[in-house]
Amino acid sequence: MDNSIFDDRAMALCELSQDMLFHKVPVGRILYYIDEPLKAGRDAARLYSGKDIHALYSENGIGAEYKPKTASAFGVMLRGQAILGADGCKVEIYMESIEELAKHSCFGGMPGLDLESALKVHLAHEFYHYLEYKSGSAITEMLDSVETFKLFGFTRKAKINRCSEIAAHMFAKCLIGLSYMPNLYDYLYLISTGKLTAGDFEEKISGLKQLAGV
């Protein structure tokens, strides 16, 4: 595969395209919904430059619970999830899924993740969500709503939830020092395990870039 196509915008577009309201985003506004979250992730990571993610958990009183087996939600295998509340915050990490990601993260000459890097990526991703919770201002809520319904002067609007995921990916990339947005490795996992072809993935990225005008 041509590694040059996996730039930050491309991977942000892949994430944005998974939002249930993606089809409601005006074409001329697609870049807004990827560039602003990318900036938010970069800016947040800059505040913690050089910090070890394990140390950040300790300093912020966040518990990390490592579970051997993988959990799932709505048929999707989870690698980690944050449980945030007034009584305390913790992150659950499902090591079986993390190990599988590391094992299948190298494909077609792409640099893979070792187990520790795969673990740190997910800890960093969930730490960003903790930062959003702590500040009370998620990037999703800060960005403009999209119009989802209009009839006889009545308009319904909603937020694009995947914007927070884009920001979390970028935060993890910058904090851990990855060459690519970490959601790329989710796609490499799918390709390596035969659930997606490299050709289909490249076609998806090409189509999204053409749609967004990048």
N, C-alpha and C. Protein backbone atom coordinates (compact mmCIF):
# COMPACT_ATOMS: atom_id res chain seq x y z
N MET A 1 0.84 -1.20 0.00
CA MET A 1 0.00 0.00 0.00
C MET A 1 0.87 1.25 0.00
N ASP A 2 0.32 2.33 -0.53
CA ASP A 2 1.01 3.60 -0.57
C ASP A 2 0.82 4.32 0.77
N ASN A 3 1.87 4.33 1.59
CA ASN A 3 1.76 4.89 2.94
C ASN A 3 1.40 6.37 2.94
N SER A 4 1.71 7.08 1.87
CA SER A 4 1.50 8.53 1.84
C SER A 4 0.02 8.92 1.88
N ILE A 5 -0.86 7.98 1.58
CA ILE A 5 -2.29 8.32 1.58
C ILE A 5 -2.87 8.34 3.00
N PHE A 6 -2.12 7.80 3.97
CA PHE A 6 -2.66 7.70 5.33
C PHE A 6 -2.30 8.92 6.17
N ASP A 7 -2.51 10.10 5.64
CA ASP A 7 -2.20 11.31 6.40
C ASP A 7 -3.30 11.56 7.43
N ASP A 8 -3.07 12.58 8.26
CA ASP A 8 -4.01 12.84 9.36
C ASP A 8 -5.42 13.12 8.88
N ARG A 9 -5.53 13.92 7.83
CA ARG A 9 -6.86 14.23 7.32
C ARG A 9 -7.58 12.98 6.80
N ALA A 10 -6.83 12.11 6.13
CA ALA A 10 -7.43 10.88 5.60
C ALA A 10 -8.00 10.03 6.72
N MET A 11 -7.22 9.86 7.79
CA MET A 11 -7.68 9.01 8.88
C MET A 11 -8.79 9.69 9.67
N ALA A 12 -8.75 11.02 9.74
CA ALA A 12 -9.85 11.74 10.38
C ALA A 12 -11.14 11.58 9.57
N LEU A 13 -11.01 11.61 8.25
CA LEU A 13 -12.17 11.40 7.39
C LEU A 13 -12.75 10.01 7.58
N CYS A 14 -11.88 9.02 7.73
CA CYS A 14 -12.35 7.65 7.97
C CYS A 14 -13.18 7.59 9.25
N GLU A 15 -12.70 8.28 10.29
CA GLU A 15 -13.43 8.30 11.56
C GLU A 15 -14.74 9.06 11.41
N LEU A 16 -14.70 10.22 10.78
CA LEU A 16 -15.90 11.03 10.61
C LEU A 16 -16.97 10.28 9.83
N SER A 17 -16.53 9.50 8.85
CA SER A 17 -17.48 8.78 8.00
C SER A 17 -18.26 7.72 8.77
N GLN A 18 -17.78 7.37 9.97
CA GLN A 18 -18.47 6.38 10.80
C GLN A 18 -19.60 7.00 11.63
N ASP A 19 -19.67 8.34 11.63
CA ASP A 19 -20.72 8.99 12.40
C ASP A 19 -22.08 8.76 11.74
N MET A 20 -23.08 8.50 12.55
CA MET A 20 -24.40 8.21 12.02
C MET A 20 -25.02 9.41 11.30
N LEU A 21 -24.47 10.61 11.54
CA LEU A 21 -24.98 11.81 10.88
C LEU A 21 -24.04 12.33 9.80
N PHE A 22 -23.08 11.53 9.40
CA PHE A 22 -22.12 11.98 8.40
C PHE A 22 -22.82 12.45 7.13
N HIS A 23 -23.87 11.75 6.74
CA HIS A 23 -24.59 12.11 5.51
C HIS A 23 -25.30 13.45 5.62
N LYS A 24 -25.40 13.99 6.83
CA LYS A 24 -26.04 15.28 7.04
C LYS A 24 -25.04 16.44 7.00
N VAL A 25 -23.76 16.12 7.00
CA VAL A 25 -22.74 17.17 6.99
C VAL A 25 -22.65 17.76 5.59
N PRO A 26 -22.84 19.05 5.43
CA PRO A 26 -22.69 19.67 4.10
C PRO A 26 -21.28 19.43 3.57
N VAL A 27 -21.17 19.11 2.30
CA VAL A 27 -19.86 18.80 1.72
C VAL A 27 -18.84 19.90 1.99
N GLY A 28 -19.28 21.13 1.89
CA GLY A 28 -18.39 22.25 2.09
C GLY A 28 -17.94 22.45 3.53
N ARG A 29 -18.53 21.67 4.45
CA ARG A 29 -18.19 21.79 5.86
C ARG A 29 -17.45 20.56 6.40
N ILE A 30 -17.17 19.61 5.56
CA ILE A 30 -16.50 18.39 6.02
C ILE A 30 -15.14 18.70 6.64
N LEU A 31 -14.36 19.54 5.98
CA LEU A 31 -13.03 19.86 6.50
C LEU A 31 -13.10 20.53 7.87
N TYR A 32 -14.13 21.32 8.10
CA TYR A 32 -14.32 21.95 9.41
C TYR A 32 -14.43 20.90 10.51
N TYR A 33 -15.15 19.82 10.20
CA TYR A 33 -15.39 18.78 11.21
C TYR A 33 -14.23 17.81 11.37
N ILE A 34 -13.20 17.96 10.57
CA ILE A 34 -11.99 17.16 10.82
C ILE A 34 -10.82 18.04 11.28
N ASP A 35 -10.71 19.23 10.70
CA ASP A 35 -9.56 20.08 11.04
C ASP A 35 -9.64 20.63 12.47
N GLU A 36 -10.83 21.00 12.92
CA GLU A 36 -10.97 21.52 14.28
C GLU A 36 -10.67 20.44 15.34
N PRO A 37 -11.19 19.23 15.21
CA PRO A 37 -10.82 18.19 16.17
C PRO A 37 -9.33 17.83 16.12
N LEU A 38 -8.75 17.81 14.92
CA LEU A 38 -7.32 17.53 14.81
C LEU A 38 -6.51 18.57 15.58
N LYS A 39 -6.90 19.82 15.44
CA LYS A 39 -6.21 20.90 16.16
C LYS A 39 -6.39 20.75 17.67
N ALA A 40 -7.60 20.40 18.09
CA ALA A 40 -7.88 20.23 19.52
C ALA A 40 -7.00 19.13 20.11
N GLY A 41 -6.86 18.02 19.38
CA GLY A 41 -6.02 16.92 19.85
C GLY A 41 -4.56 17.31 19.94
N ARG A 42 -4.08 18.02 18.92
CA ARG A 42 -2.68 18.48 18.92
C ARG A 42 -2.41 19.44 20.08
N ASP A 43 -3.33 20.40 20.25
CA ASP A 43 -3.14 21.40 21.29
C ASP A 43 -3.13 20.76 22.68
N ALA A 44 -4.01 19.80 22.90
CA ALA A 44 -4.06 19.13 24.20
C ALA A 44 -2.79 18.32 24.45
N ALA A 45 -2.31 17.64 23.42
CA ALA A 45 -1.09 16.83 23.57
C ALA A 45 0.12 17.70 23.87
N ARG A 46 0.13 18.91 23.30
CA ARG A 46 1.26 19.82 23.50
C ARG A 46 1.42 20.17 24.99
N LEU A 47 0.32 20.21 25.72
CA LEU A 47 0.36 20.53 27.15
C LEU A 47 1.02 19.43 27.97
N TYR A 48 1.05 18.21 27.40
CA TYR A 48 1.60 17.07 28.13
C TYR A 48 2.82 16.48 27.42
N SER A 49 3.44 17.27 26.58
CA SER A 49 4.60 16.81 25.81
C SER A 49 5.69 16.25 26.72
N GLY A 50 6.16 15.06 26.39
CA GLY A 50 7.23 14.43 27.16
C GLY A 50 6.76 13.66 28.37
N LYS A 51 5.46 13.69 28.67
CA LYS A 51 4.91 13.00 29.82
C LYS A 51 4.63 11.53 29.47
N ASP A 52 4.89 10.66 30.42
CA ASP A 52 4.56 9.25 30.26
C ASP A 52 3.08 9.04 30.61
N ILE A 53 2.38 8.29 29.78
CA ILE A 53 0.95 8.13 29.98
C ILE A 53 0.62 7.42 31.29
N HIS A 54 1.47 6.47 31.69
CA HIS A 54 1.22 5.80 32.97
C HIS A 54 1.35 6.80 34.12
N ALA A 55 2.32 7.70 34.03
CA ALA A 55 2.51 8.72 35.06
C ALA A 55 1.33 9.68 35.10
N LEU A 56 0.78 10.01 33.93
CA LEU A 56 -0.37 10.91 33.87
C LEU A 56 -1.59 10.29 34.57
N TYR A 57 -1.76 9.01 34.42
CA TYR A 57 -2.87 8.33 35.11
C TYR A 57 -2.68 8.44 36.62
N SER A 58 -1.47 8.19 37.06
CA SER A 58 -1.18 8.25 38.49
C SER A 58 -1.36 9.66 39.03
N GLU A 59 -0.84 10.65 38.32
CA GLU A 59 -0.93 12.04 38.77
C GLU A 59 -2.36 12.55 38.84
N ASN A 60 -3.22 12.02 37.98
CA ASN A 60 -4.60 12.49 37.92
C ASN A 60 -5.57 11.56 38.66
N GLY A 61 -5.04 10.58 39.35
CA GLY A 61 -5.88 9.70 40.14
C GLY A 61 -6.83 8.84 39.32
N ILE A 62 -6.41 8.49 38.12
CA ILE A 62 -7.25 7.65 37.25
C ILE A 62 -6.83 6.20 37.43
N GLY A 63 -7.76 5.36 37.76
CA GLY A 63 -7.46 3.94 37.89
C GLY A 63 -7.39 3.28 36.53
N ALA A 64 -6.51 2.33 36.38
CA ALA A 64 -6.41 1.55 35.14
C ALA A 64 -6.62 0.08 35.51
N GLU A 65 -7.66 -0.50 34.97
CA GLU A 65 -8.01 -1.88 35.27
C GLU A 65 -7.80 -2.73 34.01
N TYR A 66 -6.88 -3.68 34.12
CA TYR A 66 -6.53 -4.50 32.97
C TYR A 66 -7.27 -5.84 33.04
N LYS A 67 -8.19 -6.03 32.13
CA LYS A 67 -9.00 -7.25 32.11
C LYS A 67 -8.46 -8.18 31.03
N PRO A 68 -8.32 -9.46 31.34
CA PRO A 68 -7.71 -10.38 30.37
C PRO A 68 -8.55 -10.62 29.12
N LYS A 69 -9.86 -10.64 29.26
CA LYS A 69 -10.73 -10.98 28.14
C LYS A 69 -11.30 -9.73 27.50
N THR A 70 -11.73 -9.89 26.27
CA THR A 70 -12.28 -8.78 25.50
C THR A 70 -13.76 -8.62 25.77
N ALA A 71 -14.21 -7.37 25.89
CA ALA A 71 -15.63 -7.07 26.02
C ALA A 71 -16.15 -6.62 24.67
N SER A 72 -17.46 -6.62 24.54
CA SER A 72 -18.07 -6.18 23.28
C SER A 72 -19.31 -5.35 23.57
N ALA A 73 -19.65 -4.51 22.62
CA ALA A 73 -20.86 -3.70 22.71
C ALA A 73 -21.47 -3.59 21.32
N PHE A 74 -22.73 -4.00 21.20
CA PHE A 74 -23.43 -3.96 19.92
C PHE A 74 -22.66 -4.74 18.84
N GLY A 75 -22.02 -5.83 19.26
CA GLY A 75 -21.31 -6.68 18.31
C GLY A 75 -19.92 -6.21 17.97
N VAL A 76 -19.48 -5.09 18.55
CA VAL A 76 -18.15 -4.54 18.27
C VAL A 76 -17.22 -4.89 19.43
N MET A 77 -16.05 -5.44 19.11
CA MET A 77 -15.09 -5.79 20.14
C MET A 77 -14.40 -4.53 20.66
N LEU A 78 -14.43 -4.35 21.96
CA LEU A 78 -13.84 -3.17 22.57
C LEU A 78 -12.40 -3.43 23.00
N ARG A 79 -11.58 -2.38 22.97
CA ARG A 79 -10.20 -2.48 23.47
C ARG A 79 -10.05 -1.73 24.78
N GLY A 80 -10.90 -0.79 25.01
CA GLY A 80 -10.84 -0.05 26.26
C GLY A 80 -12.01 0.90 26.36
N GLN A 81 -12.35 1.29 27.58
CA GLN A 81 -13.41 2.26 27.77
C GLN A 81 -13.19 3.01 29.07
N ALA A 82 -13.55 4.28 29.06
CA ALA A 82 -13.42 5.12 30.24
C ALA A 82 -14.73 5.14 31.01
N ILE A 83 -14.64 5.03 32.32
CA ILE A 83 -15.80 5.13 33.20
C ILE A 83 -15.57 6.36 34.05
N LEU A 84 -16.30 7.43 33.74
CA LEU A 84 -16.05 8.74 34.33
C LEU A 84 -17.23 9.17 35.17
N GLY A 85 -16.96 9.59 36.39
CA GLY A 85 -18.04 10.01 37.26
C GLY A 85 -17.54 10.79 38.46
N ALA A 86 -18.47 11.37 39.19
CA ALA A 86 -18.12 12.18 40.36
C ALA A 86 -17.44 11.37 41.44
N ASP A 87 -17.71 10.07 41.47
CA ASP A 87 -17.12 9.20 42.49
C ASP A 87 -15.73 8.71 42.12
N GLY A 88 -15.26 9.08 40.95
CA GLY A 88 -13.94 8.66 40.52
C GLY A 88 -13.92 8.28 39.05
N CYS A 89 -12.73 8.20 38.50
CA CYS A 89 -12.57 7.87 37.09
C CYS A 89 -11.62 6.69 36.94
N LYS A 90 -11.98 5.79 36.04
CA LYS A 90 -11.10 4.68 35.75
C LYS A 90 -11.24 4.29 34.29
N VAL A 91 -10.24 3.58 33.82
CA VAL A 91 -10.25 3.09 32.45
C VAL A 91 -10.07 1.59 32.47
N GLU A 92 -10.95 0.91 31.77
CA GLU A 92 -10.82 -0.54 31.62
C GLU A 92 -10.13 -0.84 30.30
N ILE A 93 -9.13 -1.69 30.34
CA ILE A 93 -8.40 -2.09 29.14
C ILE A 93 -8.54 -3.60 28.98
N TYR A 94 -8.94 -4.02 27.79
CA TYR A 94 -9.16 -5.44 27.51
C TYR A 94 -7.94 -6.00 26.78
N MET A 95 -7.10 -6.67 27.54
CA MET A 95 -5.77 -7.04 27.06
C MET A 95 -5.80 -8.02 25.89
N GLU A 96 -6.78 -8.90 25.85
CA GLU A 96 -6.87 -9.84 24.73
C GLU A 96 -6.99 -9.08 23.41
N SER A 97 -7.82 -8.05 23.41
CA SER A 97 -8.03 -7.25 22.21
C SER A 97 -6.80 -6.41 21.87
N ILE A 98 -6.13 -5.88 22.90
CA ILE A 98 -4.91 -5.10 22.69
C ILE A 98 -3.82 -5.99 22.08
N GLU A 99 -3.71 -7.19 22.58
CA GLU A 99 -2.70 -8.13 22.06
C GLU A 99 -2.99 -8.50 20.61
N GLU A 100 -4.26 -8.67 20.27
CA GLU A 100 -4.64 -8.99 18.90
C GLU A 100 -4.33 -7.82 17.97
N LEU A 101 -4.57 -6.60 18.44
CA LEU A 101 -4.27 -5.43 17.63
C LEU A 101 -2.78 -5.35 17.34
N ALA A 102 -1.96 -5.54 18.38
CA ALA A 102 -0.51 -5.48 18.19
C ALA A 102 -0.04 -6.56 17.22
N LYS A 103 -0.60 -7.73 17.36
CA LYS A 103 -0.22 -8.88 16.52
C LYS A 103 -0.53 -8.62 15.05
N HIS A 104 -1.62 -7.95 14.78
CA HIS A 104 -2.07 -7.76 13.39
C HIS A 104 -1.90 -6.32 12.90
N SER A 105 -1.06 -5.54 13.56
CA SER A 105 -0.93 -4.12 13.18
C SER A 105 0.09 -3.88 12.09
N CYS A 106 0.82 -4.90 11.71
CA CYS A 106 1.83 -4.75 10.67
C CYS A 106 1.33 -5.41 9.40
N PHE A 107 1.16 -4.61 8.34
CA PHE A 107 0.66 -5.17 7.09
C PHE A 107 1.21 -4.37 5.92
N GLY A 108 1.65 -5.07 4.91
CA GLY A 108 2.08 -4.43 3.67
C GLY A 108 3.22 -3.45 3.84
N GLY A 109 4.13 -3.73 4.76
CA GLY A 109 5.26 -2.84 4.97
C GLY A 109 5.00 -1.70 5.93
N MET A 110 3.77 -1.60 6.43
CA MET A 110 3.46 -0.56 7.41
C MET A 110 4.10 -0.91 8.74
N PRO A 111 4.63 0.08 9.47
CA PRO A 111 5.23 -0.19 10.78
C PRO A 111 4.16 -0.61 11.78
N GLY A 112 4.39 -1.72 12.46
CA GLY A 112 3.42 -2.23 13.41
C GLY A 112 3.61 -1.65 14.80
N LEU A 113 2.72 -2.03 15.70
CA LEU A 113 2.80 -1.63 17.10
C LEU A 113 3.24 -2.83 17.93
N ASP A 114 4.15 -2.58 18.88
CA ASP A 114 4.42 -3.65 19.85
C ASP A 114 3.34 -3.56 20.92
N LEU A 115 3.32 -4.54 21.82
CA LEU A 115 2.24 -4.61 22.82
C LEU A 115 2.20 -3.36 23.70
N GLU A 116 3.35 -2.87 24.15
CA GLU A 116 3.38 -1.71 25.03
C GLU A 116 2.88 -0.46 24.31
N SER A 117 3.25 -0.31 23.04
CA SER A 117 2.78 0.85 22.27
C SER A 117 1.27 0.79 22.05
N ALA A 118 0.76 -0.41 21.75
CA ALA A 118 -0.69 -0.58 21.56
C ALA A 118 -1.43 -0.24 22.84
N LEU A 119 -0.85 -0.65 23.97
CA LEU A 119 -1.47 -0.35 25.27
C LEU A 119 -1.45 1.15 25.53
N LYS A 120 -0.32 1.80 25.29
CA LYS A 120 -0.20 3.24 25.54
C LYS A 120 -1.14 4.04 24.66
N VAL A 121 -1.33 3.60 23.42
CA VAL A 121 -2.25 4.30 22.52
C VAL A 121 -3.64 4.35 23.12
N HIS A 122 -4.10 3.24 23.63
CA HIS A 122 -5.46 3.20 24.17
C HIS A 122 -5.58 3.93 25.50
N LEU A 123 -4.54 3.87 26.30
CA LEU A 123 -4.53 4.66 27.53
C LEU A 123 -4.58 6.15 27.21
N ALA A 124 -3.81 6.56 26.21
CA ALA A 124 -3.78 7.97 25.82
C ALA A 124 -5.12 8.40 25.24
N HIS A 125 -5.71 7.56 24.43
CA HIS A 125 -7.02 7.86 23.83
C HIS A 125 -8.06 8.12 24.92
N GLU A 126 -8.11 7.22 25.90
CA GLU A 126 -9.09 7.38 26.96
C GLU A 126 -8.74 8.56 27.88
N PHE A 127 -7.45 8.87 28.01
CA PHE A 127 -7.04 10.02 28.82
C PHE A 127 -7.58 11.30 28.20
N TYR A 128 -7.61 11.39 26.88
CA TYR A 128 -8.17 12.58 26.25
C TYR A 128 -9.65 12.73 26.61
N HIS A 129 -10.38 11.61 26.60
CA HIS A 129 -11.79 11.69 26.98
C HIS A 129 -11.94 12.13 28.44
N TYR A 130 -11.00 11.69 29.27
CA TYR A 130 -10.98 12.15 30.67
C TYR A 130 -10.79 13.67 30.72
N LEU A 131 -9.89 14.19 29.90
CA LEU A 131 -9.65 15.63 29.86
C LEU A 131 -10.91 16.39 29.44
N GLU A 132 -11.62 15.84 28.48
CA GLU A 132 -12.88 16.47 28.05
C GLU A 132 -13.88 16.47 29.21
N TYR A 133 -13.96 15.34 29.90
CA TYR A 133 -14.89 15.23 31.03
C TYR A 133 -14.51 16.22 32.13
N LYS A 134 -13.23 16.28 32.44
CA LYS A 134 -12.75 17.15 33.50
C LYS A 134 -13.00 18.63 33.20
N SER A 135 -12.81 19.01 31.94
CA SER A 135 -12.99 20.42 31.55
C SER A 135 -14.46 20.76 31.32
N GLY A 136 -15.27 19.76 31.08
CA GLY A 136 -16.69 19.99 30.81
C GLY A 136 -16.95 20.58 29.44
N SER A 137 -15.96 20.47 28.55
CA SER A 137 -16.12 21.06 27.21
C SER A 137 -15.51 20.14 26.15
N ALA A 138 -16.28 19.16 25.71
CA ALA A 138 -15.84 18.26 24.66
C ALA A 138 -15.85 19.00 23.33
N ILE A 139 -14.90 18.67 22.46
CA ILE A 139 -14.82 19.32 21.16
C ILE A 139 -16.11 19.12 20.36
N THR A 140 -16.75 17.99 20.54
CA THR A 140 -18.03 17.73 19.86
C THR A 140 -19.05 18.81 20.18
N GLU A 141 -19.12 19.21 21.45
CA GLU A 141 -20.09 20.21 21.87
C GLU A 141 -19.69 21.61 21.45
N MET A 142 -18.40 21.83 21.26
CA MET A 142 -17.92 23.17 20.90
C MET A 142 -18.14 23.50 19.43
N LEU A 143 -18.21 22.47 18.60
CA LEU A 143 -18.38 22.69 17.17
C LEU A 143 -19.84 22.91 16.79
N ASP A 144 -20.05 23.47 15.62
CA ASP A 144 -21.41 23.75 15.15
C ASP A 144 -22.22 22.47 15.03
N SER A 145 -23.51 22.60 15.27
CA SER A 145 -24.43 21.49 15.04
C SER A 145 -24.72 21.39 13.54
N VAL A 146 -25.21 20.24 13.13
CA VAL A 146 -25.65 20.08 11.74
C VAL A 146 -27.17 19.96 11.73
N GLU A 147 -27.75 20.43 10.66
CA GLU A 147 -29.20 20.37 10.51
C GLU A 147 -29.59 18.95 10.12
N THR A 148 -30.46 18.33 10.92
CA THR A 148 -30.87 16.95 10.64
C THR A 148 -32.29 16.84 10.11
N PHE A 149 -33.09 17.88 10.33
CA PHE A 149 -34.49 17.83 9.89
C PHE A 149 -35.04 19.24 9.78
N LYS A 150 -35.81 19.47 8.72
CA LYS A 150 -36.43 20.79 8.56
C LYS A 150 -37.79 20.63 7.89
N LEU A 151 -38.81 21.22 8.50
CA LEU A 151 -40.16 21.12 7.95
C LEU A 151 -41.00 22.29 8.44
N PHE A 152 -41.54 23.05 7.50
CA PHE A 152 -42.44 24.17 7.82
C PHE A 152 -41.82 25.11 8.86
N GLY A 153 -40.54 25.43 8.68
CA GLY A 153 -39.89 26.38 9.57
C GLY A 153 -39.31 25.77 10.84
N PHE A 154 -39.65 24.50 11.09
CA PHE A 154 -39.09 23.82 12.27
C PHE A 154 -37.78 23.14 11.87
N THR A 155 -36.73 23.38 12.62
CA THR A 155 -35.42 22.81 12.33
C THR A 155 -34.90 22.03 13.53
N ARG A 156 -34.41 20.84 13.27
CA ARG A 156 -33.77 20.04 14.32
C ARG A 156 -32.30 19.93 14.00
N LYS A 157 -31.46 20.11 15.03
CA LYS A 157 -30.02 20.04 14.84
C LYS A 157 -29.40 19.06 15.83
N ALA A 158 -28.20 18.58 15.50
CA ALA A 158 -27.51 17.63 16.37
C ALA A 158 -26.00 17.79 16.21
N LYS A 159 -25.26 17.25 17.16
CA LYS A 159 -23.81 17.32 17.16
C LYS A 159 -23.21 16.10 16.47
N ILE A 160 -21.99 16.26 15.98
CA ILE A 160 -21.28 15.16 15.33
C ILE A 160 -20.36 14.52 16.37
N ASN A 161 -20.80 13.42 16.94
CA ASN A 161 -20.10 12.82 18.07
C ASN A 161 -18.69 12.32 17.74
N ARG A 162 -18.46 11.92 16.51
CA ARG A 162 -17.16 11.36 16.16
C ARG A 162 -16.03 12.40 16.20
N CYS A 163 -16.38 13.67 16.32
CA CYS A 163 -15.34 14.70 16.40
C CYS A 163 -14.46 14.49 17.62
N SER A 164 -15.05 14.04 18.72
CA SER A 164 -14.26 13.77 19.92
C SER A 164 -13.32 12.59 19.70
N GLU A 165 -13.75 11.62 18.91
CA GLU A 165 -12.89 10.47 18.61
C GLU A 165 -11.70 10.90 17.75
N ILE A 166 -11.95 11.78 16.80
CA ILE A 166 -10.85 12.30 15.96
C ILE A 166 -9.82 13.00 16.84
N ALA A 167 -10.30 13.85 17.74
CA ALA A 167 -9.40 14.57 18.63
C ALA A 167 -8.61 13.61 19.52
N ALA A 168 -9.27 12.57 20.02
CA ALA A 168 -8.61 11.60 20.88
C ALA A 168 -7.54 10.83 20.11
N HIS A 169 -7.82 10.49 18.86
CA HIS A 169 -6.82 9.82 18.02
C HIS A 169 -5.59 10.70 17.84
N MET A 170 -5.82 11.98 17.54
CA MET A 170 -4.70 12.89 17.33
C MET A 170 -3.91 13.10 18.62
N PHE A 171 -4.61 13.22 19.73
CA PHE A 171 -3.94 13.35 21.02
C PHE A 171 -3.02 12.16 21.27
N ALA A 172 -3.53 10.96 21.05
CA ALA A 172 -2.73 9.75 21.26
C ALA A 172 -1.53 9.71 20.31
N LYS A 173 -1.77 10.06 19.05
CA LYS A 173 -0.67 10.06 18.08
C LYS A 173 0.47 10.97 18.55
N CYS A 174 0.13 12.19 18.95
CA CYS A 174 1.15 13.17 19.34
C CYS A 174 1.81 12.80 20.66
N LEU A 175 1.03 12.36 21.63
CA LEU A 175 1.58 12.06 22.94
C LEU A 175 2.52 10.86 22.90
N ILE A 176 2.12 9.82 22.17
CA ILE A 176 2.91 8.59 22.10
C ILE A 176 4.03 8.70 21.07
N GLY A 177 3.88 9.62 20.11
CA GLY A 177 4.90 9.80 19.09
C GLY A 177 4.79 8.83 17.93
N LEU A 178 3.55 8.59 17.50
CA LEU A 178 3.30 7.69 16.38
C LEU A 178 3.49 8.42 15.05
N SER A 179 3.74 7.65 14.02
CA SER A 179 3.86 8.23 12.68
C SER A 179 2.50 8.47 12.04
N TYR A 180 1.49 7.73 12.50
CA TYR A 180 0.16 7.79 11.89
C TYR A 180 -0.89 7.90 12.98
N MET A 181 -2.05 8.38 12.60
CA MET A 181 -3.20 8.38 13.51
C MET A 181 -3.47 6.93 13.92
N PRO A 182 -3.72 6.67 15.18
CA PRO A 182 -3.84 5.28 15.64
C PRO A 182 -5.03 4.50 15.09
N ASN A 183 -6.07 5.19 14.59
CA ASN A 183 -7.17 4.41 14.02
C ASN A 183 -6.76 3.70 12.74
N LEU A 184 -5.60 4.09 12.16
CA LEU A 184 -5.08 3.35 11.01
C LEU A 184 -4.87 1.89 11.38
N TYR A 185 -4.40 1.65 12.60
CA TYR A 185 -4.09 0.27 13.00
C TYR A 185 -5.35 -0.57 13.15
N ASP A 186 -6.48 0.07 13.40
CA ASP A 186 -7.73 -0.68 13.41
C ASP A 186 -8.04 -1.22 12.02
N TYR A 187 -7.77 -0.40 11.01
CA TYR A 187 -8.00 -0.84 9.63
C TYR A 187 -6.97 -1.90 9.21
N LEU A 188 -5.72 -1.72 9.63
CA LEU A 188 -4.69 -2.73 9.32
C LEU A 188 -5.04 -4.07 9.96
N TYR A 189 -5.62 -4.01 11.14
CA TYR A 189 -6.08 -5.23 11.81
C TYR A 189 -7.15 -5.92 10.96
N LEU A 190 -8.11 -5.14 10.46
CA LEU A 190 -9.17 -5.71 9.64
C LEU A 190 -8.61 -6.32 8.35
N ILE A 191 -7.63 -5.65 7.76
CA ILE A 191 -7.01 -6.16 6.54
C ILE A 191 -6.23 -7.43 6.83
N SER A 192 -5.44 -7.41 7.90
CA SER A 192 -4.61 -8.55 8.25
C SER A 192 -5.43 -9.78 8.59
N THR A 193 -6.62 -9.58 9.17
CA THR A 193 -7.48 -10.70 9.56
C THR A 193 -8.50 -11.05 8.48
N GLY A 194 -8.39 -10.42 7.31
CA GLY A 194 -9.25 -10.78 6.18
C GLY A 194 -10.64 -10.21 6.20
N LYS A 195 -10.89 -9.25 7.09
CA LYS A 195 -12.23 -8.65 7.18
C LYS A 195 -12.38 -7.45 6.24
N LEU A 196 -11.27 -7.00 5.67
CA LEU A 196 -11.26 -5.87 4.75
C LEU A 196 -10.10 -6.06 3.80
N THR A 197 -10.28 -5.68 2.53
CA THR A 197 -9.17 -5.78 1.59
C THR A 197 -8.43 -4.45 1.53
N ALA A 198 -7.14 -4.51 1.22
CA ALA A 198 -6.34 -3.30 1.09
C ALA A 198 -6.91 -2.40 -0.01
N GLY A 199 -7.37 -3.03 -1.08
CA GLY A 199 -7.94 -2.26 -2.20
C GLY A 199 -9.19 -1.51 -1.79
N ASP A 200 -10.06 -2.15 -1.02
CA ASP A 200 -11.28 -1.50 -0.56
C ASP A 200 -10.97 -0.34 0.38
N PHE A 201 -9.94 -0.53 1.22
CA PHE A 201 -9.54 0.52 2.15
C PHE A 201 -9.00 1.74 1.40
N GLU A 202 -8.14 1.50 0.44
CA GLU A 202 -7.59 2.60 -0.34
C GLU A 202 -8.69 3.31 -1.13
N GLU A 203 -9.64 2.53 -1.63
CA GLU A 203 -10.75 3.12 -2.37
C GLU A 203 -11.61 3.98 -1.45
N LYS A 204 -11.80 3.52 -0.21
CA LYS A 204 -12.57 4.29 0.76
C LYS A 204 -11.90 5.64 1.02
N ILE A 205 -10.59 5.62 1.24
CA ILE A 205 -9.86 6.85 1.51
C ILE A 205 -9.90 7.79 0.29
N SER A 206 -9.71 7.24 -0.88
CA SER A 206 -9.75 8.03 -2.10
C SER A 206 -11.10 8.71 -2.27
N GLY A 207 -12.17 7.96 -2.01
CA GLY A 207 -13.51 8.51 -2.16
C GLY A 207 -13.80 9.61 -1.15
N LEU A 208 -13.36 9.42 0.08
CA LEU A 208 -13.58 10.42 1.12
C LEU A 208 -12.80 11.69 0.83
N LYS A 209 -11.54 11.52 0.37
CA LYS A 209 -10.73 12.69 0.05
C LYS A 209 -11.34 13.48 -1.11
N GLN A 210 -11.84 12.76 -2.09
CA GLN A 210 -12.46 13.43 -3.23
C GLN A 210 -13.70 14.18 -2.79
N LEU A 211 -14.50 13.56 -1.92
CA LEU A 211 -15.70 14.20 -1.42
C LEU A 211 -15.39 15.47 -0.65
N ALA A 212 -14.33 15.40 0.18
CA ALA A 212 -13.97 16.55 1.04
C ALA A 212 -13.15 17.60 0.30
N GLY A 213 -12.63 17.23 -0.87
CA GLY A 213 -11.84 18.17 -1.65
C GLY A 213 -10.42 18.31 -1.17
N VAL A 214 -9.82 17.20 -0.72
CA VAL A 214 -8.41 17.23 -0.26
C VAL A 214 -7.58 16.23 -1.05
